[in-house]
């Protein structure tokens, strides 16, 4: 079995376990469904728990593609204890970041 390795912009490689060709690309509805579950989770959840919480079944390959996409854009963090939503779109937080000063080392 050949598996694809995805490279992030940081140079880190992730084995997403895709065999040969991708047969099921995620739809926007599916991506939004996964995002919604991860946003509502109060703590890190495992891949199996994420699958249980989804209202519709998703192929494993499709779910892994979505997770690679979300991690690549900085919305989630995948760690040893599970997957957690880290994106912050709070207007007050974004304004604070814009006003913050850069510290040069």
PDB file of N, CA and C in Angstrom:
ATOM      1  N   UNK A   1       0.824  -1.184   0.000  1.00  0.00           N
ATOM      2  CA  UNK A   1       0.000   0.000   0.000  1.00  0.00           C
ATOM      3  C   UNK A   1       0.867   1.246   0.000  1.00  0.00           C
ATOM      4  N   UNK A   2       0.587   2.134  -0.890  1.00  0.00           N
ATOM      5  CA  UNK A   2       1.275   3.409  -0.912  1.00  0.00           C
ATOM      6  C   UNK A   2       0.465   4.422  -0.126  1.00  0.00           C
ATOM      7  N   UNK A   3       1.134   5.164   0.750  1.00  0.00           N
ATOM      8  CA  UNK A   3       0.450   6.187   1.512  1.00  0.00           C
ATOM      9  C   UNK A   3       1.019   7.542   1.151  1.00  0.00           C
ATOM     10  N   UNK A   4       0.150   8.526   1.096  1.00  0.00           N
ATOM     11  CA  UNK A   4       0.578   9.888   0.797  1.00  0.00           C
ATOM     12  C   UNK A   4       1.025  10.565   2.077  1.00  0.00           C
ATOM     13  N   UNK A   5       2.016  11.407   1.955  1.00  0.00           N
ATOM     14  CA  UNK A   5       2.499  12.200   3.068  1.00  0.00           C
ATOM     15  C   UNK A   5       2.234  13.662   2.702  1.00  0.00           C
ATOM     16  N   UNK A   6       1.492  14.374   3.551  1.00  0.00           N
ATOM     17  CA  UNK A   6       1.198  15.791   3.311  1.00  0.00           C
ATOM     18  C   UNK A   6       2.284  16.626   3.967  1.00  0.00           C
ATOM     19  N   UNK A   7       2.757  17.649   3.256  1.00  0.00           N
ATOM     20  CA  UNK A   7       3.755  18.557   3.815  1.00  0.00           C
ATOM     21  C   UNK A   7       3.088  19.870   4.150  1.00  0.00           C
ATOM     22  N   UNK A   8       3.305  20.338   5.361  1.00  0.00           N
ATOM     23  CA  UNK A   8       2.778  21.627   5.768  1.00  0.00           C
ATOM     24  C   UNK A   8       3.761  22.704   5.365  1.00  0.00           C
ATOM     25  N   UNK A   9       3.311  23.961   5.437  1.00  0.00           N
ATOM     26  CA  UNK A   9       4.184  25.076   5.106  1.00  0.00           C
ATOM     27  C   UNK A   9       5.363  25.160   6.073  1.00  0.00           C
ATOM     28  N   UNK A  10       5.198  24.650   7.296  1.00  0.00           N
ATOM     29  CA  UNK A  10       6.275  24.678   8.279  1.00  0.00           C
ATOM     30  C   UNK A  10       7.341  23.621   7.990  1.00  0.00           C
ATOM     31  N   UNK A  11       7.068  22.742   7.011  1.00  0.00           N
ATOM     32  CA  UNK A  11       8.018  21.701   6.662  1.00  0.00           C
ATOM     33  C   UNK A  11       7.760  20.385   7.367  1.00  0.00           C
ATOM     34  N   UNK A  12       6.825  20.373   8.329  1.00  0.00           N
ATOM     35  CA  UNK A  12       6.482  19.149   9.050  1.00  0.00           C
ATOM     36  C   UNK A  12       5.658  18.258   8.139  1.00  0.00           C
ATOM     37  N   UNK A  13       5.883  16.961   8.200  1.00  0.00           N
ATOM     38  CA  UNK A  13       5.124  16.039   7.369  1.00  0.00           C
ATOM     39  C   UNK A  13       4.102  15.305   8.208  1.00  0.00           C
ATOM     40  N   UNK A  14       2.950  15.050   7.602  1.00  0.00           N
ATOM     41  CA  UNK A  14       1.872  14.340   8.278  1.00  0.00           C
ATOM     42  C   UNK A  14       1.467  13.172   7.401  1.00  0.00           C
ATOM     43  N   UNK A  15       1.440  11.986   7.974  1.00  0.00           N
ATOM     44  CA  UNK A  15       0.967  10.824   7.249  1.00  0.00           C
ATOM     45  C   UNK A  15      -0.545  10.789   7.391  1.00  0.00           C
ATOM     46  N   UNK A  16      -1.260  11.106   6.304  1.00  0.00           N
ATOM     47  CA  UNK A  16      -2.720  11.153   6.384  1.00  0.00           C
ATOM     48  C   UNK A  16      -3.345   9.855   5.902  1.00  0.00           C
ATOM     49  N   UNK A  17      -2.534   8.885   5.594  1.00  0.00           N
ATOM     50  CA  UNK A  17      -3.041   7.547   5.299  1.00  0.00           C
ATOM     51  C   UNK A  17      -3.913   7.455   4.062  1.00  0.00           C
ATOM     52  N   UNK A  18      -3.588   8.192   3.034  1.00  0.00           N
ATOM     53  CA  UNK A  18      -4.374   8.132   1.807  1.00  0.00           C
ATOM     54  C   UNK A  18      -3.723   7.129   0.866  1.00  0.00           C
ATOM     55  N   UNK A  19      -4.504   6.188   0.417  1.00  0.00           N
ATOM     56  CA  UNK A  19      -3.988   5.132  -0.449  1.00  0.00           C
ATOM     57  C   UNK A  19      -4.260   5.488  -1.903  1.00  0.00           C
ATOM     58  N   UNK A  20      -3.212   5.542  -2.695  1.00  0.00           N
ATOM     59  CA  UNK A  20      -3.257   5.796  -4.139  1.00  0.00           C
ATOM     60  C   UNK A  20      -4.054   7.048  -4.512  1.00  0.00           C
ATOM     61  N   UNK A  21      -5.338   6.915  -4.730  1.00  0.00           N
ATOM     62  CA  UNK A  21      -6.128   8.055  -5.181  1.00  0.00           C
ATOM     63  C   UNK A  21      -7.231   8.367  -4.179  1.00  0.00           C
ATOM     64  N   UNK A  22      -7.658   9.600  -4.207  1.00  0.00           N
ATOM     65  CA  UNK A  22      -8.728  10.025  -3.323  1.00  0.00           C
ATOM     66  C   UNK A  22     -10.043   9.819  -4.050  1.00  0.00           C
ATOM     67  N   UNK A  23     -10.916   9.008  -3.469  1.00  0.00           N
ATOM     68  CA  UNK A  23     -12.188   8.688  -4.104  1.00  0.00           C
ATOM     69  C   UNK A  23     -13.319   9.585  -3.635  1.00  0.00           C
ATOM     70  N   UNK A  24     -13.215  10.110  -2.431  1.00  0.00           N
ATOM     71  CA  UNK A  24     -14.290  10.928  -1.879  1.00  0.00           C
ATOM     72  C   UNK A  24     -13.723  12.231  -1.336  1.00  0.00           C
ATOM     73  N   UNK A  25     -13.865  13.312  -2.088  1.00  0.00           N
ATOM     74  CA  UNK A  25     -13.454  14.622  -1.608  1.00  0.00           C
ATOM     75  C   UNK A  25     -14.567  15.171  -0.725  1.00  0.00           C
ATOM     76  N   UNK A  26     -14.211  15.866   0.353  1.00  0.00           N
ATOM     77  CA  UNK A  26     -15.256  16.396   1.240  1.00  0.00           C
ATOM     78  C   UNK A  26     -16.022  17.545   0.581  1.00  0.00           C
ATOM     79  N   UNK A  27     -17.298  17.627   0.891  1.00  0.00           N
ATOM     80  CA  UNK A  27     -18.106  18.747   0.415  1.00  0.00           C
ATOM     81  C   UNK A  27     -18.022  19.857   1.458  1.00  0.00           C
ATOM     82  N   UNK A  28     -18.435  21.047   1.075  1.00  0.00           N
ATOM     83  CA  UNK A  28     -18.433  22.170   2.010  1.00  0.00           C
ATOM     84  C   UNK A  28     -19.322  21.857   3.210  1.00  0.00           C
ATOM     85  N   UNK A  29     -20.452  21.230   2.974  1.00  0.00           N
ATOM     86  CA  UNK A  29     -21.374  20.863   4.048  1.00  0.00           C
ATOM     87  C   UNK A  29     -20.678  19.962   5.073  1.00  0.00           C
ATOM     88  N   UNK A  30     -19.892  19.013   4.590  1.00  0.00           N
ATOM     89  CA  UNK A  30     -19.187  18.088   5.477  1.00  0.00           C
ATOM     90  C   UNK A  30     -18.112  18.810   6.277  1.00  0.00           C
ATOM     91  N   UNK A  31     -17.365  19.698   5.625  1.00  0.00           N
ATOM     92  CA  UNK A  31     -16.321  20.457   6.323  1.00  0.00           C
ATOM     93  C   UNK A  31     -16.941  21.322   7.417  1.00  0.00           C
ATOM     94  N   UNK A  32     -18.047  22.003   7.096  1.00  0.00           N
ATOM     95  CA  UNK A  32     -18.716  22.850   8.082  1.00  0.00           C
ATOM     96  C   UNK A  32     -19.276  22.030   9.240  1.00  0.00           C
ATOM     97  N   UNK A  33     -19.740  20.825   8.961  1.00  0.00           N
ATOM     98  CA  UNK A  33     -20.268  19.939   9.985  1.00  0.00           C
ATOM     99  C   UNK A  33     -19.155  19.546  10.971  1.00  0.00           C
ATOM    100  N   UNK A  34     -17.988  19.202  10.445  1.00  0.00           N
ATOM    101  CA  UNK A  34     -16.849  18.827  11.288  1.00  0.00           C
ATOM    102  C   UNK A  34     -16.386  20.041  12.101  1.00  0.00           C
ATOM    103  N   UNK A  35     -16.299  21.208  11.457  1.00  0.00           N
ATOM    104  CA  UNK A  35     -15.902  22.433  12.154  1.00  0.00           C
ATOM    105  C   UNK A  35     -16.842  22.716  13.322  1.00  0.00           C
ATOM    106  N   UNK A  36     -18.138  22.581  13.095  1.00  0.00           N
ATOM    107  CA  UNK A  36     -19.134  22.867  14.119  1.00  0.00           C
ATOM    108  C   UNK A  36     -18.954  21.958  15.337  1.00  0.00           C
ATOM    109  N   UNK A  37     -18.731  20.676  15.099  1.00  0.00           N
ATOM    110  CA  UNK A  37     -18.529  19.730  16.203  1.00  0.00           C
ATOM    111  C   UNK A  37     -17.277  20.107  16.997  1.00  0.00           C
ATOM    112  N   UNK A  38     -16.198  20.438  16.305  1.00  0.00           N
ATOM    113  CA  UNK A  38     -14.947  20.772  16.982  1.00  0.00           C
ATOM    114  C   UNK A  38     -15.060  22.087  17.746  1.00  0.00           C
ATOM    115  N   UNK A  39     -15.787  23.062  17.207  1.00  0.00           N
ATOM    116  CA  UNK A  39     -15.971  24.344  17.897  1.00  0.00           C
ATOM    117  C   UNK A  39     -16.758  24.160  19.191  1.00  0.00           C
ATOM    118  N   UNK A  40     -17.752  23.290  19.172  1.00  0.00           N
ATOM    119  CA  UNK A  40     -18.614  23.083  20.341  1.00  0.00           C
ATOM    120  C   UNK A  40     -17.972  22.209  21.415  1.00  0.00           C
ATOM    121  N   UNK A  41     -16.958  21.455  21.058  1.00  0.00           N
ATOM    122  CA  UNK A  41     -16.291  20.574  22.027  1.00  0.00           C
ATOM    123  C   UNK A  41     -15.541  21.433  23.043  1.00  0.00           C
ATOM    124  N   UNK A  42     -15.752  21.144  24.320  1.00  0.00           N
ATOM    125  CA  UNK A  42     -15.121  21.936  25.372  1.00  0.00           C
ATOM    126  C   UNK A  42     -13.686  21.509  25.654  1.00  0.00           C
ATOM    127  N   UNK A  43     -13.362  20.269  25.337  1.00  0.00           N
ATOM    128  CA  UNK A  43     -12.004  19.766  25.532  1.00  0.00           C
ATOM    129  C   UNK A  43     -11.576  19.034  24.262  1.00  0.00           C
ATOM    130  N   UNK A  44     -10.338  18.589  24.252  1.00  0.00           N
ATOM    131  CA  UNK A  44      -9.837  17.822  23.109  1.00  0.00           C
ATOM    132  C   UNK A  44     -10.627  16.517  22.994  1.00  0.00           C
ATOM    133  N   UNK A  45     -10.996  16.162  21.764  1.00  0.00           N
ATOM    134  CA  UNK A  45     -11.738  14.923  21.553  1.00  0.00           C
ATOM    135  C   UNK A  45     -10.956  14.022  20.600  1.00  0.00           C
ATOM    136  N   UNK A  46     -11.117  12.738  20.789  1.00  0.00           N
ATOM    137  CA  UNK A  46     -10.417  11.773  19.945  1.00  0.00           C
ATOM    138  C   UNK A  46     -11.097  11.681  18.583  1.00  0.00           C
ATOM    139  N   UNK A  47     -10.419  11.066  17.653  1.00  0.00           N
ATOM    140  CA  UNK A  47     -10.972  10.868  16.317  1.00  0.00           C
ATOM    141  C   UNK A  47     -12.242  10.025  16.388  1.00  0.00           C
ATOM    142  N   UNK A  48     -12.222   8.995  17.232  1.00  0.00           N
ATOM    143  CA  UNK A  48     -13.400   8.131  17.375  1.00  0.00           C
ATOM    144  C   UNK A  48     -14.578   8.888  17.982  1.00  0.00           C
ATOM    145  N   UNK A  49     -14.309   9.754  18.957  1.00  0.00           N
ATOM    146  CA  UNK A  49     -15.374  10.560  19.560  1.00  0.00           C
ATOM    147  C   UNK A  49     -15.932  11.549  18.540  1.00  0.00           C
ATOM    148  N   UNK A  50     -15.081  12.114  17.731  1.00  0.00           N
ATOM    149  CA  UNK A  50     -15.535  13.022  16.669  1.00  0.00           C
ATOM    150  C   UNK A  50     -16.468  12.298  15.712  1.00  0.00           C
ATOM    151  N   UNK A  51     -16.101  11.077  15.335  1.00  0.00           N
ATOM    152  CA  UNK A  51     -16.953  10.281  14.445  1.00  0.00           C
ATOM    153  C   UNK A  51     -18.312  10.009  15.087  1.00  0.00           C
ATOM    154  N   UNK A  52     -18.329   9.723  16.397  1.00  0.00           N
ATOM    155  CA  UNK A  52     -19.591   9.451  17.097  1.00  0.00           C
ATOM    156  C   UNK A  52     -20.487  10.684  17.153  1.00  0.00           C
ATOM    157  N   UNK A  53     -19.891  11.856  17.302  1.00  0.00           N
ATOM    158  CA  UNK A  53     -20.678  13.089  17.432  1.00  0.00           C
ATOM    159  C   UNK A  53     -21.225  13.609  16.105  1.00  0.00           C
ATOM    160  N   UNK A  54     -20.656  13.180  15.002  1.00  0.00           N
ATOM    161  CA  UNK A  54     -21.130  13.654  13.701  1.00  0.00           C
ATOM    162  C   UNK A  54     -22.525  13.110  13.421  1.00  0.00           C
ATOM    163  N   UNK A  55     -23.434  13.959  12.915  1.00  0.00           N
ATOM    164  CA  UNK A  55     -24.796  13.498  12.643  1.00  0.00           C
ATOM    165  C   UNK A  55     -24.878  12.516  11.476  1.00  0.00           C
ATOM    166  N   UNK A  56     -23.947  12.610  10.543  1.00  0.00           N
ATOM    167  CA  UNK A  56     -23.904  11.705   9.393  1.00  0.00           C
ATOM    168  C   UNK A  56     -22.566  10.969   9.389  1.00  0.00           C
ATOM    169  N   UNK A  57     -22.567   9.764   8.881  1.00  0.00           N
ATOM    170  CA  UNK A  57     -21.310   9.013   8.772  1.00  0.00           C
ATOM    171  C   UNK A  57     -20.459   9.622   7.662  1.00  0.00           C
ATOM    172  N   UNK A  58     -19.158   9.642   7.913  1.00  0.00           N
ATOM    173  CA  UNK A  58     -18.195  10.164   6.940  1.00  0.00           C
ATOM    174  C   UNK A  58     -17.122   9.105   6.759  1.00  0.00           C
ATOM    175  N   UNK A  59     -16.694   8.912   5.536  1.00  0.00           N
ATOM    176  CA  UNK A  59     -15.600   7.966   5.288  1.00  0.00           C
ATOM    177  C   UNK A  59     -14.353   8.448   6.022  1.00  0.00           C
ATOM    178  N   UNK A  60     -13.582   7.515   6.540  1.00  0.00           N
ATOM    179  CA  UNK A  60     -12.382   7.833   7.297  1.00  0.00           C
ATOM    180  C   UNK A  60     -11.422   8.697   6.487  1.00  0.00           C
ATOM    181  N   UNK A  61     -11.232   8.349   5.220  1.00  0.00           N
ATOM    182  CA  UNK A  61     -10.333   9.101   4.337  1.00  0.00           C
ATOM    183  C   UNK A  61     -10.789  10.546   4.192  1.00  0.00           C
ATOM    184  N   UNK A  62     -12.083  10.758   4.053  1.00  0.00           N
ATOM    185  CA  UNK A  62     -12.635  12.101   3.906  1.00  0.00           C
ATOM    186  C   UNK A  62     -12.440  12.901   5.184  1.00  0.00           C
ATOM    187  N   UNK A  63     -12.682  12.289   6.328  1.00  0.00           N
ATOM    188  CA  UNK A  63     -12.506  12.970   7.605  1.00  0.00           C
ATOM    189  C   UNK A  63     -11.050  13.360   7.815  1.00  0.00           C
ATOM    190  N   UNK A  64     -10.145  12.477   7.458  1.00  0.00           N
ATOM    191  CA  UNK A  64      -8.714  12.791   7.607  1.00  0.00           C
ATOM    192  C   UNK A  64      -8.291  13.952   6.699  1.00  0.00           C
ATOM    193  N   UNK A  65      -8.843  14.021   5.499  1.00  0.00           N
ATOM    194  CA  UNK A  65      -8.555  15.155   4.608  1.00  0.00           C
ATOM    195  C   UNK A  65      -9.036  16.467   5.220  1.00  0.00           C
ATOM    196  N   UNK A  66     -10.223  16.442   5.813  1.00  0.00           N
ATOM    197  CA  UNK A  66     -10.760  17.638   6.455  1.00  0.00           C
ATOM    198  C   UNK A  66      -9.858  18.069   7.613  1.00  0.00           C
ATOM    199  N   UNK A  67      -9.417  17.118   8.418  1.00  0.00           N
ATOM    200  CA  UNK A  67      -8.559  17.440   9.558  1.00  0.00           C
ATOM    201  C   UNK A  67      -7.220  18.010   9.112  1.00  0.00           C
ATOM    202  N   UNK A  68      -6.643  17.475   8.049  1.00  0.00           N
ATOM    203  CA  UNK A  68      -5.382  18.015   7.519  1.00  0.00           C
ATOM    204  C   UNK A  68      -5.598  19.443   7.032  1.00  0.00           C
ATOM    205  N   UNK A  69      -6.718  19.677   6.359  1.00  0.00           N
ATOM    206  CA  UNK A  69      -7.046  21.022   5.874  1.00  0.00           C
ATOM    207  C   UNK A  69      -7.190  22.006   7.045  1.00  0.00           C
ATOM    208  N   UNK A  70      -7.954  21.623   8.068  1.00  0.00           N
ATOM    209  CA  UNK A  70      -8.183  22.510   9.210  1.00  0.00           C
ATOM    210  C   UNK A  70      -6.908  22.770   9.998  1.00  0.00           C
ATOM    211  N   UNK A  71      -6.060  21.753  10.127  1.00  0.00           N
ATOM    212  CA  UNK A  71      -4.794  21.951  10.826  1.00  0.00           C
ATOM    213  C   UNK A  71      -3.869  22.847  10.010  1.00  0.00           C
ATOM    214  N   UNK A  72      -3.879  22.677   8.700  1.00  0.00           N
ATOM    215  CA  UNK A  72      -3.043  23.493   7.825  1.00  0.00           C
ATOM    216  C   UNK A  72      -3.398  24.965   7.866  1.00  0.00           C
ATOM    217  N   UNK A  73      -4.685  25.281   8.041  1.00  0.00           N
ATOM    218  CA  UNK A  73      -5.082  26.697   8.086  1.00  0.00           C
ATOM    219  C   UNK A  73      -5.065  27.255   9.501  1.00  0.00           C
ATOM    220  N   UNK A  74      -4.672  26.429  10.477  1.00  0.00           N
ATOM    221  CA  UNK A  74      -4.496  26.902  11.847  1.00  0.00           C
ATOM    222  C   UNK A  74      -5.764  26.948  12.680  1.00  0.00           C
ATOM    223  N   UNK A  75      -6.790  26.219  12.292  1.00  0.00           N
ATOM    224  CA  UNK A  75      -8.040  26.215  13.039  1.00  0.00           C
ATOM    225  C   UNK A  75      -8.063  25.177  14.144  1.00  0.00           C
ATOM    226  N   UNK A  76      -7.334  24.075  13.960  1.00  0.00           N
ATOM    227  CA  UNK A  76      -7.323  23.013  14.964  1.00  0.00           C
ATOM    228  C   UNK A  76      -5.889  22.635  15.303  1.00  0.00           C
ATOM    229  N   UNK A  77      -5.780  21.951  16.409  1.00  0.00           N
ATOM    230  CA  UNK A  77      -4.503  21.390  16.825  1.00  0.00           C
ATOM    231  C   UNK A  77      -4.736  19.913  17.102  1.00  0.00           C
ATOM    232  N   UNK A  78      -3.918  19.067  16.500  1.00  0.00           N
ATOM    233  CA  UNK A  78      -4.029  17.627  16.707  1.00  0.00           C
ATOM    234  C   UNK A  78      -2.858  17.200  17.581  1.00  0.00           C
ATOM    235  N   UNK A  79      -3.186  16.693  18.752  1.00  0.00           N
ATOM    236  CA  UNK A  79      -2.156  16.286  19.704  1.00  0.00           C
ATOM    237  C   UNK A  79      -2.368  14.870  20.186  1.00  0.00           C
ATOM    238  N   UNK A  80      -1.608  14.495  21.197  1.00  0.00           N
ATOM    239  CA  UNK A  80      -1.693  13.143  21.745  1.00  0.00           C
ATOM    240  C   UNK A  80      -3.047  12.874  22.401  1.00  0.00           C
ATOM    241  N   UNK A  81      -3.653  13.905  22.996  1.00  0.00           N
ATOM    242  CA  UNK A  81      -4.917  13.722  23.702  1.00  0.00           C
ATOM    243  C   UNK A  81      -6.128  13.935  22.815  1.00  0.00           C
ATOM    244  N   UNK A  82      -5.917  14.310  21.572  1.00  0.00           N
ATOM    245  CA  UNK A  82      -7.041  14.470  20.660  1.00  0.00           C
ATOM    246  C   UNK A  82      -6.953  15.716  19.805  1.00  0.00           C
ATOM    247  N   UNK A  83      -8.116  16.148  19.342  1.00  0.00           N
ATOM    248  CA  UNK A  83      -8.231  17.269  18.419  1.00  0.00           C
ATOM    249  C   UNK A  83      -8.969  18.388  19.138  1.00  0.00           C
ATOM    250  N   UNK A  84      -8.449  19.624  19.027  1.00  0.00           N
ATOM    251  CA  UNK A  84      -9.099  20.753  19.693  1.00  0.00           C
ATOM    252  C   UNK A  84      -9.127  21.959  18.759  1.00  0.00           C
ATOM    253  N   UNK A  85     -10.208  22.724  18.849  1.00  0.00           N
ATOM    254  CA  UNK A  85     -10.386  23.944  18.053  1.00  0.00           C
ATOM    255  C   UNK A  85      -9.582  25.062  18.705  1.00  0.00           C
ATOM    256  N   UNK A  86      -8.723  25.752  17.945  1.00  0.00           N
ATOM    257  CA  UNK A  86      -7.888  26.806  18.516  1.00  0.00           C
ATOM    258  C   UNK A  86      -8.099  28.160  17.846  1.00  0.00           C
ATOM    259  N   UNK A  87      -8.854  28.210  16.779  1.00  0.00           N
ATOM    260  CA  UNK A  87      -9.065  29.465  16.065  1.00  0.00           C
ATOM    261  C   UNK A  87      -9.892  30.422  16.920  1.00  0.00           C
ATOM    262  N   UNK A  88      -9.503  31.699  16.939  1.00  0.00           N
ATOM    263  CA  UNK A  88     -10.215  32.694  17.738  1.00  0.00           C
ATOM    264  C   UNK A  88     -10.609  33.856  16.834  1.00  0.00           C
ATOM    265  N   UNK A  89     -11.914  34.042  16.629  1.00  0.00           N
ATOM    266  CA  UNK A  89     -12.409  35.128  15.781  1.00  0.00           C
ATOM    267  C   UNK A  89     -13.102  36.219  16.593  1.00  0.00           C
ATOM    268  N   UNK A  90     -12.832  36.257  17.898  1.00  0.00           N
ATOM    269  CA  UNK A  90     -13.418  37.274  18.758  1.00  0.00           C
ATOM    270  C   UNK A  90     -12.909  38.646  18.323  1.00  0.00           C
ATOM    271  N   UNK A  91     -13.816  39.597  18.001  1.00  0.00           N
ATOM    272  CA  UNK A  91     -13.383  40.923  17.537  1.00  0.00           C
ATOM    273  C   UNK A  91     -12.466  41.645  18.525  1.00  0.00           C
ATOM    274  N   UNK A  92     -12.729  41.503  19.823  1.00  0.00           N
ATOM    275  CA  UNK A  92     -11.876  42.150  20.829  1.00  0.00           C
ATOM    276  C   UNK A  92     -10.464  41.567  20.789  1.00  0.00           C
ATOM    277  N   UNK A  93     -10.380  40.248  20.641  1.00  0.00           N
ATOM    278  CA  UNK A  93      -9.075  39.587  20.574  1.00  0.00           C
ATOM    279  C   UNK A  93      -8.311  40.035  19.319  1.00  0.00           C
ATOM    280  N   UNK A  94      -8.989  40.075  18.181  1.00  0.00           N
ATOM    281  CA  UNK A  94      -8.339  40.473  16.930  1.00  0.00           C
ATOM    282  C   UNK A  94      -7.875  41.926  16.987  1.00  0.00           C
ATOM    283  N   UNK A  95      -8.655  42.797  17.626  1.00  0.00           N
ATOM    284  CA  UNK A  95      -8.277  44.205  17.769  1.00  0.00           C
ATOM    285  C   UNK A  95      -7.039  44.326  18.656  1.00  0.00           C
ATOM    286  N   UNK A  96      -7.000  43.538  19.722  1.00  0.00           N
ATOM    287  CA  UNK A  96      -5.853  43.529  20.624  1.00  0.00           C
ATOM    288  C   UNK A  96      -4.591  43.094  19.884  1.00  0.00           C
ATOM    289  N   UNK A  97      -4.703  42.076  19.056  1.00  0.00           N
ATOM    290  CA  UNK A  97      -3.557  41.589  18.277  1.00  0.00           C
ATOM    291  C   UNK A  97      -3.059  42.680  17.326  1.00  0.00           C
ATOM    292  N   UNK A  98      -3.980  43.386  16.680  1.00  0.00           N
ATOM    293  CA  UNK A  98      -3.586  44.461  15.755  1.00  0.00           C
ATOM    294  C   UNK A  98      -2.846  45.564  16.476  1.00  0.00           C
ATOM    295  N   UNK A  99      -3.269  45.907  17.709  1.00  0.00           N
ATOM    296  CA  UNK A  99      -2.674  46.999  18.470  1.00  0.00           C
ATOM    297  C   UNK A  99      -1.388  46.602  19.191  1.00  0.00           C
ATOM    298  N   UNK A 100      -1.154  45.303  19.322  1.00  0.00           N
ATOM    299  CA  UNK A 100       0.010  44.843  20.091  1.00  0.00           C
ATOM    300  C   UNK A 100       1.307  45.238  19.403  1.00  0.00           C
ATOM    301  N   UNK A 101       2.316  45.408  20.201  1.00  0.00           N
ATOM    302  CA  UNK A 101       3.630  45.816  19.687  1.00  0.00           C
ATOM    303  C   UNK A 101       4.486  44.587  19.467  1.00  0.00           C
ATOM    304  N   UNK A 102       5.327  44.662  18.470  1.00  0.00           N
ATOM    305  CA  UNK A 102       6.266  43.562  18.198  1.00  0.00           C
ATOM    306  C   UNK A 102       7.511  43.768  19.056  1.00  0.00           C
ATOM    307  N   UNK A 103       7.996  42.678  19.572  1.00  0.00           N
ATOM    308  CA  UNK A 103       9.224  42.727  20.377  1.00  0.00           C
ATOM    309  C   UNK A 103      10.328  42.109  19.552  1.00  0.00           C
ATOM    310  N   UNK A 104      11.376  42.884  19.322  1.00  0.00           N
ATOM    311  CA  UNK A 104      12.502  42.367  18.544  1.00  0.00           C
ATOM    312  C   UNK A 104      13.534  41.782  19.489  1.00  0.00           C
ATOM    313  N   UNK A 105      14.038  40.627  19.123  1.00  0.00           N
ATOM    314  CA  UNK A 105      15.069  39.982  19.950  1.00  0.00           C
ATOM    315  C   UNK A 105      16.410  40.147  19.335  1.00  0.00           C
TER     316      UNK A 105
END
